């Protein structure tokens, strides 16, 4: 193949690469705008508790009703409640808070299937990217309440545990709701992760298993009673570097 034959092909590849890089740069700007817009919208919601759980939990399920009760008690106690904004446990959390005294916030994610916004959101934000949405969950929460759920719920739980364990985020209460659902996993943490020295025994103290709504509210208040809900100076620095 002669040089004259190769040059058009090289030119086509360069043009394709240039178009891709231009689209990629625009995509980065859209991500930045997602961070900026959501951070501005969520400035006034503190103190807030993030609640996670399965999108597939039906409304007549005991988990749904329990999540609604927990969210209502948190809301009436002065906490904004943040959920993923979708159906199932997310809807239950928003519903409980919506009928309570404090704001109900939904951080909705755009998905090709399954996710649709619920009707119980005082403030509803839409995200195209999981990672920017996850930062908002962490940045604005003074506690995590984790109901039974699937991969997405596990992802949020392990995200906050990793951030706290590695010092990338401030320590907050991480409360698992449902002894029957979570105890096997916690036992596995103890037997395997601690037993094989994958984590420190102290890392298990990052988790609490509590089933009663009133005890969950009490545990959160107890954690902050000597220091207040406002992030300490060093914690604000951590949150800036998430």
C-alpha atoms as a PDB file:
ATOM      1  CA  UNK A   1       0.000   0.000   0.000  1.00  0.00           C
ATOM      2  CA  UNK A   2       1.373   3.382  -1.040  1.00  0.00           C
ATOM      3  CA  UNK A   3       1.696   6.455   1.199  1.00  0.00           C
ATOM      4  CA  UNK A   4      -1.096   8.192  -0.728  1.00  0.00           C
ATOM      5  CA  UNK A   5      -3.400   5.257   0.043  1.00  0.00           C
ATOM      6  CA  UNK A   6      -2.509   5.320   3.759  1.00  0.00           C
ATOM      7  CA  UNK A   7      -2.938   9.054   4.325  1.00  0.00           C
ATOM      8  CA  UNK A   8      -6.753   9.174   3.843  1.00  0.00           C
ATOM      9  CA  UNK A   9      -7.161   6.250   6.267  1.00  0.00           C
ATOM     10  CA  UNK A  10      -4.993   7.974   8.855  1.00  0.00           C
ATOM     11  CA  UNK A  11      -6.961  11.183   8.358  1.00  0.00           C
ATOM     12  CA  UNK A  12     -10.256   9.349   8.895  1.00  0.00           C
ATOM     13  CA  UNK A  13      -8.943   7.766  12.109  1.00  0.00           C
ATOM     14  CA  UNK A  14      -7.780  11.160  13.369  1.00  0.00           C
ATOM     15  CA  UNK A  15     -11.156  12.746  12.622  1.00  0.00           C
ATOM     16  CA  UNK A  16     -12.969   9.925  14.436  1.00  0.00           C
ATOM     17  CA  UNK A  17     -10.655  10.240  17.421  1.00  0.00           C
ATOM     18  CA  UNK A  18     -11.104  14.016  17.483  1.00  0.00           C
ATOM     19  CA  UNK A  19     -14.907  13.681  17.481  1.00  0.00           C
ATOM     20  CA  UNK A  20     -14.731  11.133  20.310  1.00  0.00           C
ATOM     21  CA  UNK A  21     -12.473  13.382  22.408  1.00  0.00           C
ATOM     22  CA  UNK A  22     -14.796  16.326  21.863  1.00  0.00           C
ATOM     23  CA  UNK A  23     -17.757  14.230  23.026  1.00  0.00           C
ATOM     24  CA  UNK A  24     -15.735  12.985  25.994  1.00  0.00           C
ATOM     25  CA  UNK A  25     -14.842  16.554  27.039  1.00  0.00           C
ATOM     26  CA  UNK A  26     -18.506  17.558  26.809  1.00  0.00           C
ATOM     27  CA  UNK A  27     -19.420  14.509  28.900  1.00  0.00           C
ATOM     28  CA  UNK A  28     -16.960  15.579  31.614  1.00  0.00           C
ATOM     29  CA  UNK A  29     -18.576  19.038  31.693  1.00  0.00           C
ATOM     30  CA  UNK A  30     -21.988  17.429  32.125  1.00  0.00           C
ATOM     31  CA  UNK A  31     -20.651  15.404  35.063  1.00  0.00           C
ATOM     32  CA  UNK A  32     -19.233  18.540  36.675  1.00  0.00           C
ATOM     33  CA  UNK A  33     -22.552  20.331  36.238  1.00  0.00           C
ATOM     34  CA  UNK A  34     -24.317  17.382  37.882  1.00  0.00           C
ATOM     35  CA  UNK A  35     -22.078  17.747  40.945  1.00  0.00           C
ATOM     36  CA  UNK A  36     -22.506  21.533  41.094  1.00  0.00           C
ATOM     37  CA  UNK A  37     -26.284  21.558  40.662  1.00  0.00           C
ATOM     38  CA  UNK A  38     -26.941  18.782  43.173  1.00  0.00           C
ATOM     39  CA  UNK A  39     -24.569  20.276  45.766  1.00  0.00           C
ATOM     40  CA  UNK A  40     -26.395  23.609  45.542  1.00  0.00           C
ATOM     41  CA  UNK A  41     -29.828  22.001  45.813  1.00  0.00           C
ATOM     42  CA  UNK A  42     -28.857  19.939  48.862  1.00  0.00           C
ATOM     43  CA  UNK A  43     -27.134  22.658  50.885  1.00  0.00           C
ATOM     44  CA  UNK A  44     -30.040  23.237  53.256  1.00  0.00           C
ATOM     45  CA  UNK A  45     -31.173  19.697  54.093  1.00  0.00           C
ATOM     46  CA  UNK A  46     -28.928  18.980  57.104  1.00  0.00           C
ATOM     47  CA  UNK A  47     -29.148  16.999  59.252  1.00  0.00           C
ATOM     48  CA  UNK A  48     -30.092  14.216  56.842  1.00  0.00           C
ATOM     49  CA  UNK A  49     -30.248  10.426  57.029  1.00  0.00           C
ATOM     50  CA  UNK A  50     -29.879   8.291  53.900  1.00  0.00           C
ATOM     51  CA  UNK A  51     -32.059   5.187  53.683  1.00  0.00           C
ATOM     52  CA  UNK A  52     -31.309   2.366  51.230  1.00  0.00           C
ATOM     53  CA  UNK A  53     -33.110  -0.828  50.264  1.00  0.00           C
ATOM     54  CA  UNK A  54     -34.512  -2.870  47.433  1.00  0.00           C
ATOM     55  CA  UNK A  55     -36.452  -1.229  44.610  1.00  0.00           C
ATOM     56  CA  UNK A  56     -38.373  -4.503  44.225  1.00  0.00           C
ATOM     57  CA  UNK A  57     -39.981  -4.630  47.660  1.00  0.00           C
ATOM     58  CA  UNK A  58     -43.811  -4.556  47.264  1.00  0.00           C
ATOM     59  CA  UNK A  59     -45.937  -2.112  49.219  1.00  0.00           C
ATOM     60  CA  UNK A  60     -47.580  -4.813  51.316  1.00  0.00           C
ATOM     61  CA  UNK A  61     -44.242  -6.284  52.459  1.00  0.00           C
ATOM     62  CA  UNK A  62     -43.125  -5.976  56.089  1.00  0.00           C
ATOM     63  CA  UNK A  63     -39.840  -4.372  54.971  1.00  0.00           C
ATOM     64  CA  UNK A  64     -41.737  -1.610  53.141  1.00  0.00           C
ATOM     65  CA  UNK A  65     -43.895  -0.856  56.163  1.00  0.00           C
ATOM     66  CA  UNK A  66     -40.879  -0.883  58.480  1.00  0.00           C
ATOM     67  CA  UNK A  67     -38.940   1.514  56.224  1.00  0.00           C
ATOM     68  CA  UNK A  68     -41.925   3.855  56.165  1.00  0.00           C
ATOM     69  CA  UNK A  69     -42.125   3.817  59.978  1.00  0.00           C
ATOM     70  CA  UNK A  70     -38.403   4.465  60.351  1.00  0.00           C
ATOM     71  CA  UNK A  71     -38.503   7.368  57.896  1.00  0.00           C
ATOM     72  CA  UNK A  72     -41.548   8.902  59.596  1.00  0.00           C
ATOM     73  CA  UNK A  73     -39.890   8.781  63.006  1.00  0.00           C
ATOM     74  CA  UNK A  74     -36.677  10.246  61.613  1.00  0.00           C
ATOM     75  CA  UNK A  75     -38.594  13.018  59.870  1.00  0.00           C
ATOM     76  CA  UNK A  76     -40.628  13.860  62.965  1.00  0.00           C
ATOM     77  CA  UNK A  77     -37.361  13.934  64.949  1.00  0.00           C
ATOM     78  CA  UNK A  78     -35.936  16.666  62.710  1.00  0.00           C
ATOM     79  CA  UNK A  79     -33.970  14.665  60.132  1.00  0.00           C
ATOM     80  CA  UNK A  80     -34.365  15.118  56.400  1.00  0.00           C
ATOM     81  CA  UNK A  81     -34.657  11.695  54.778  1.00  0.00           C
ATOM     82  CA  UNK A  82     -32.769  10.935  51.577  1.00  0.00           C
ATOM     83  CA  UNK A  83     -33.526   7.928  49.382  1.00  0.00           C
ATOM     84  CA  UNK A  84     -32.843   6.865  45.815  1.00  0.00           C
ATOM     85  CA  UNK A  85     -36.212   8.286  44.783  1.00  0.00           C
ATOM     86  CA  UNK A  86     -37.488   5.099  43.146  1.00  0.00           C
ATOM     87  CA  UNK A  87     -39.995   2.376  44.065  1.00  0.00           C
ATOM     88  CA  UNK A  88     -39.862  -0.252  46.815  1.00  0.00           C
ATOM     89  CA  UNK A  89     -37.950   0.662  49.968  1.00  0.00           C
ATOM     90  CA  UNK A  90     -36.985   3.982  48.405  1.00  0.00           C
ATOM     91  CA  UNK A  91     -40.648   4.891  48.021  1.00  0.00           C
ATOM     92  CA  UNK A  92     -41.391   3.747  51.580  1.00  0.00           C
ATOM     93  CA  UNK A  93     -38.608   5.966  52.933  1.00  0.00           C
ATOM     94  CA  UNK A  94     -39.785   8.986  50.960  1.00  0.00           C
ATOM     95  CA  UNK A  95     -43.412   8.335  51.887  1.00  0.00           C
ATOM     96  CA  UNK A  96     -42.689   8.187  55.609  1.00  0.00           C
ATOM     97  CA  UNK A  97     -40.677  11.407  55.483  1.00  0.00           C
ATOM     98  CA  UNK A  98     -43.170  13.127  53.167  1.00  0.00           C
ATOM     99  CA  UNK A  99     -45.888  12.740  55.784  1.00  0.00           C
ATOM    100  CA  UNK A 100     -43.516  13.779  58.572  1.00  0.00           C
ATOM    101  CA  UNK A 101     -42.197  17.160  59.674  1.00  0.00           C
ATOM    102  CA  UNK A 102     -38.916  17.251  57.729  1.00  0.00           C
ATOM    103  CA  UNK A 103     -38.100  17.160  53.999  1.00  0.00           C
ATOM    104  CA  UNK A 104     -38.246  14.035  51.853  1.00  0.00           C
ATOM    105  CA  UNK A 105     -35.468  13.996  49.240  1.00  0.00           C
ATOM    106  CA  UNK A 106     -35.072  11.663  46.269  1.00  0.00           C
ATOM    107  CA  UNK A 107     -31.784  11.263  44.411  1.00  0.00           C
ATOM    108  CA  UNK A 108     -33.170   9.624  41.290  1.00  0.00           C
ATOM    109  CA  UNK A 109     -30.993   7.749  38.803  1.00  0.00           C
ATOM    110  CA  UNK A 110     -31.761   7.521  35.092  1.00  0.00           C
ATOM    111  CA  UNK A 111     -31.799   3.818  34.176  1.00  0.00           C
ATOM    112  CA  UNK A 112     -32.864   1.907  31.059  1.00  0.00           C
ATOM    113  CA  UNK A 113     -35.297  -0.103  33.216  1.00  0.00           C
ATOM    114  CA  UNK A 114     -36.730  -0.436  36.731  1.00  0.00           C
ATOM    115  CA  UNK A 115     -36.194   3.073  38.151  1.00  0.00           C
ATOM    116  CA  UNK A 116     -39.111   5.485  38.131  1.00  0.00           C
ATOM    117  CA  UNK A 117     -39.560   8.378  40.542  1.00  0.00           C
ATOM    118  CA  UNK A 118     -42.030   7.976  43.392  1.00  0.00           C
ATOM    119  CA  UNK A 119     -44.651  10.572  44.304  1.00  0.00           C
ATOM    120  CA  UNK A 120     -43.386  11.369  47.814  1.00  0.00           C
ATOM    121  CA  UNK A 121     -40.484  13.759  47.213  1.00  0.00           C
ATOM    122  CA  UNK A 122     -40.347  17.326  48.490  1.00  0.00           C
ATOM    123  CA  UNK A 123     -37.088  17.683  46.576  1.00  0.00           C
ATOM    124  CA  UNK A 124     -36.327  15.480  43.579  1.00  0.00           C
ATOM    125  CA  UNK A 125     -32.967  15.417  41.783  1.00  0.00           C
ATOM    126  CA  UNK A 126     -32.076  13.391  38.699  1.00  0.00           C
ATOM    127  CA  UNK A 127     -28.653  11.871  38.073  1.00  0.00           C
ATOM    128  CA  UNK A 128     -27.227  10.210  34.984  1.00  0.00           C
ATOM    129  CA  UNK A 129     -24.160   8.889  36.802  1.00  0.00           C
ATOM    130  CA  UNK A 130     -24.089   6.572  39.787  1.00  0.00           C
ATOM    131  CA  UNK A 131     -20.812   7.955  41.125  1.00  0.00           C
ATOM    132  CA  UNK A 132     -21.961  11.580  41.397  1.00  0.00           C
ATOM    133  CA  UNK A 133     -25.191  10.404  43.021  1.00  0.00           C
ATOM    134  CA  UNK A 134     -23.249   8.284  45.534  1.00  0.00           C
ATOM    135  CA  UNK A 135     -21.096  11.267  46.501  1.00  0.00           C
ATOM    136  CA  UNK A 136     -24.266  13.222  47.356  1.00  0.00           C
ATOM    137  CA  UNK A 137     -25.528  10.375  49.554  1.00  0.00           C
ATOM    138  CA  UNK A 138     -22.269  10.385  51.511  1.00  0.00           C
ATOM    139  CA  UNK A 139     -21.634  14.136  51.574  1.00  0.00           C
ATOM    140  CA  UNK A 140     -24.983  15.091  53.082  1.00  0.00           C
ATOM    141  CA  UNK A 141     -25.760  12.152  55.387  1.00  0.00           C
ATOM    142  CA  UNK A 142     -25.076  12.059  59.107  1.00  0.00           C
ATOM    143  CA  UNK A 143     -26.204   8.391  59.189  1.00  0.00           C
ATOM    144  CA  UNK A 144     -26.960   5.484  56.843  1.00  0.00           C
ATOM    145  CA  UNK A 145     -29.947   3.206  57.404  1.00  0.00           C
ATOM    146  CA  UNK A 146     -29.649   0.094  55.244  1.00  0.00           C
ATOM    147  CA  UNK A 147     -32.761  -2.019  54.713  1.00  0.00           C
ATOM    148  CA  UNK A 148     -32.705  -5.417  52.966  1.00  0.00           C
ATOM    149  CA  UNK A 149     -31.805  -5.066  49.312  1.00  0.00           C
ATOM    150  CA  UNK A 150     -29.828  -6.322  46.351  1.00  0.00           C
ATOM    151  CA  UNK A 151     -26.655  -5.317  44.531  1.00  0.00           C
ATOM    152  CA  UNK A 152     -27.421  -1.588  44.600  1.00  0.00           C
ATOM    153  CA  UNK A 153     -28.062  -1.625  48.335  1.00  0.00           C
ATOM    154  CA  UNK A 154     -24.909  -3.652  48.942  1.00  0.00           C
ATOM    155  CA  UNK A 155     -22.967  -1.237  46.764  1.00  0.00           C
ATOM    156  CA  UNK A 156     -24.052   1.757  48.866  1.00  0.00           C
ATOM    157  CA  UNK A 157     -23.308  -0.079  52.112  1.00  0.00           C
ATOM    158  CA  UNK A 158     -19.825  -1.202  51.071  1.00  0.00           C
ATOM    159  CA  UNK A 159     -19.082   2.239  49.617  1.00  0.00           C
ATOM    160  CA  UNK A 160     -19.615   4.020  52.937  1.00  0.00           C
ATOM    161  CA  UNK A 161     -17.814   1.303  54.914  1.00  0.00           C
ATOM    162  CA  UNK A 162     -14.799   1.556  52.601  1.00  0.00           C
ATOM    163  CA  UNK A 163     -14.735   5.360  52.775  1.00  0.00           C
ATOM    164  CA  UNK A 164     -14.893   5.343  56.573  1.00  0.00           C
ATOM    165  CA  UNK A 165     -12.379   2.517  56.955  1.00  0.00           C
ATOM    166  CA  UNK A 166      -9.842   4.239  54.696  1.00  0.00           C
ATOM    167  CA  UNK A 167     -10.354   7.673  56.248  1.00  0.00           C
ATOM    168  CA  UNK A 168     -11.750   9.209  53.066  1.00  0.00           C
ATOM    169  CA  UNK A 169     -14.990  10.082  54.820  1.00  0.00           C
ATOM    170  CA  UNK A 170     -16.025  10.995  58.336  1.00  0.00           C
ATOM    171  CA  UNK A 171     -17.355   8.257  60.572  1.00  0.00           C
ATOM    172  CA  UNK A 172     -21.148   8.104  60.760  1.00  0.00           C
ATOM    173  CA  UNK A 173     -23.582   5.494  62.116  1.00  0.00           C
ATOM    174  CA  UNK A 174     -24.224   2.709  59.589  1.00  0.00           C
ATOM    175  CA  UNK A 175     -27.318   0.854  60.747  1.00  0.00           C
ATOM    176  CA  UNK A 176     -28.445  -2.423  59.179  1.00  0.00           C
ATOM    177  CA  UNK A 177     -32.149  -3.124  59.627  1.00  0.00           C
ATOM    178  CA  UNK A 178     -33.293  -6.755  59.673  1.00  0.00           C
ATOM    179  CA  UNK A 179     -31.354  -9.210  61.819  1.00  0.00           C
ATOM    180  CA  UNK A 180     -32.725 -12.147  59.845  1.00  0.00           C
ATOM    181  CA  UNK A 181     -31.523 -10.662  56.564  1.00  0.00           C
ATOM    182  CA  UNK A 182     -28.114  -9.299  57.585  1.00  0.00           C
ATOM    183  CA  UNK A 183     -26.863 -11.506  60.431  1.00  0.00           C
ATOM    184  CA  UNK A 184     -25.498 -14.200  58.099  1.00  0.00           C
ATOM    185  CA  UNK A 185     -23.432 -11.615  56.228  1.00  0.00           C
ATOM    186  CA  UNK A 186     -22.143 -10.075  59.466  1.00  0.00           C
ATOM    187  CA  UNK A 187     -21.213 -13.556  60.718  1.00  0.00           C
ATOM    188  CA  UNK A 188     -19.315 -14.104  57.463  1.00  0.00           C
ATOM    189  CA  UNK A 189     -17.493 -10.801  57.999  1.00  0.00           C
ATOM    190  CA  UNK A 190     -16.450 -12.024  61.441  1.00  0.00           C
ATOM    191  CA  UNK A 191     -15.546 -15.570  60.399  1.00  0.00           C
ATOM    192  CA  UNK A 192     -13.878 -14.867  57.072  1.00  0.00           C
ATOM    193  CA  UNK A 193     -12.802 -11.239  56.818  1.00  0.00           C
ATOM    194  CA  UNK A 194     -11.658 -10.891  60.420  1.00  0.00           C
ATOM    195  CA  UNK A 195     -10.694 -14.552  60.743  1.00  0.00           C
ATOM    196  CA  UNK A 196      -8.427 -14.373  57.699  1.00  0.00           C
ATOM    197  CA  UNK A 197      -7.161 -10.884  58.637  1.00  0.00           C
ATOM    198  CA  UNK A 198      -8.728  -9.160  55.643  1.00  0.00           C
ATOM    199  CA  UNK A 199     -10.125  -6.500  57.986  1.00  0.00           C
ATOM    200  CA  UNK A 200      -9.481  -5.458  61.574  1.00  0.00           C
ATOM    201  CA  UNK A 201     -11.811  -6.696  64.340  1.00  0.00           C
ATOM    202  CA  UNK A 202     -12.522  -3.010  65.063  1.00  0.00           C
ATOM    203  CA  UNK A 203     -13.950  -2.618  61.547  1.00  0.00           C
ATOM    204  CA  UNK A 204     -16.992  -4.622  62.629  1.00  0.00           C
ATOM    205  CA  UNK A 205     -17.817  -1.751  64.985  1.00  0.00           C
ATOM    206  CA  UNK A 206     -18.593   0.387  61.939  1.00  0.00           C
ATOM    207  CA  UNK A 207     -21.893  -1.524  61.691  1.00  0.00           C
ATOM    208  CA  UNK A 208     -24.911  -1.755  63.973  1.00  0.00           C
ATOM    209  CA  UNK A 209     -27.877  -4.142  63.634  1.00  0.00           C
ATOM    210  CA  UNK A 210     -31.068  -2.497  64.892  1.00  0.00           C
ATOM    211  CA  UNK A 211     -34.655  -3.377  63.966  1.00  0.00           C
ATOM    212  CA  UNK A 212     -36.836  -1.026  66.013  1.00  0.00           C
ATOM    213  CA  UNK A 213     -37.536   2.445  64.529  1.00  0.00           C
ATOM    214  CA  UNK A 214     -37.329   4.227  67.898  1.00  0.00           C
ATOM    215  CA  UNK A 215     -34.010   2.526  68.697  1.00  0.00           C
ATOM    216  CA  UNK A 216     -32.605   3.631  65.337  1.00  0.00           C
ATOM    217  CA  UNK A 217     -33.484   7.271  66.044  1.00  0.00           C
ATOM    218  CA  UNK A 218     -32.061   6.950  69.561  1.00  0.00           C
ATOM    219  CA  UNK A 219     -28.805   5.419  68.277  1.00  0.00           C
ATOM    220  CA  UNK A 220     -28.279   8.345  65.900  1.00  0.00           C
ATOM    221  CA  UNK A 221     -28.954  10.947  68.587  1.00  0.00           C
ATOM    222  CA  UNK A 222     -26.697   9.097  71.021  1.00  0.00           C
ATOM    223  CA  UNK A 223     -23.819   9.093  68.533  1.00  0.00           C
ATOM    224  CA  UNK A 224     -23.977  12.877  68.115  1.00  0.00           C
ATOM    225  CA  UNK A 225     -25.043  13.993  71.603  1.00  0.00           C
ATOM    226  CA  UNK A 226     -21.551  15.096  72.678  1.00  0.00           C
ATOM    227  CA  UNK A 227     -20.464  16.737  69.420  1.00  0.00           C
ATOM    228  CA  UNK A 228     -23.505  17.936  67.460  1.00  0.00           C
ATOM    229  CA  UNK A 229     -24.484  17.189  63.865  1.00  0.00           C
ATOM    230  CA  UNK A 230     -22.261  19.805  62.238  1.00  0.00           C
ATOM    231  CA  UNK A 231     -19.163  18.378  60.556  1.00  0.00           C
ATOM    232  CA  UNK A 232     -15.949  19.109  62.442  1.00  0.00           C
ATOM    233  CA  UNK A 233     -13.225  21.098  60.598  1.00  0.00           C
ATOM    234  CA  UNK A 234     -11.212  17.966  59.795  1.00  0.00           C
ATOM    235  CA  UNK A 235     -14.385  16.209  58.641  1.00  0.00           C
ATOM    236  CA  UNK A 236     -15.223  19.066  56.272  1.00  0.00           C
ATOM    237  CA  UNK A 237     -11.783  18.586  54.763  1.00  0.00           C
ATOM    238  CA  UNK A 238     -12.489  14.866  54.313  1.00  0.00           C
ATOM    239  CA  UNK A 239     -15.785  15.601  52.592  1.00  0.00           C
ATOM    240  CA  UNK A 240     -14.068  17.976  50.180  1.00  0.00           C
ATOM    241  CA  UNK A 241     -11.714  15.157  49.170  1.00  0.00           C
ATOM    242  CA  UNK A 242     -14.266  12.385  48.642  1.00  0.00           C
END
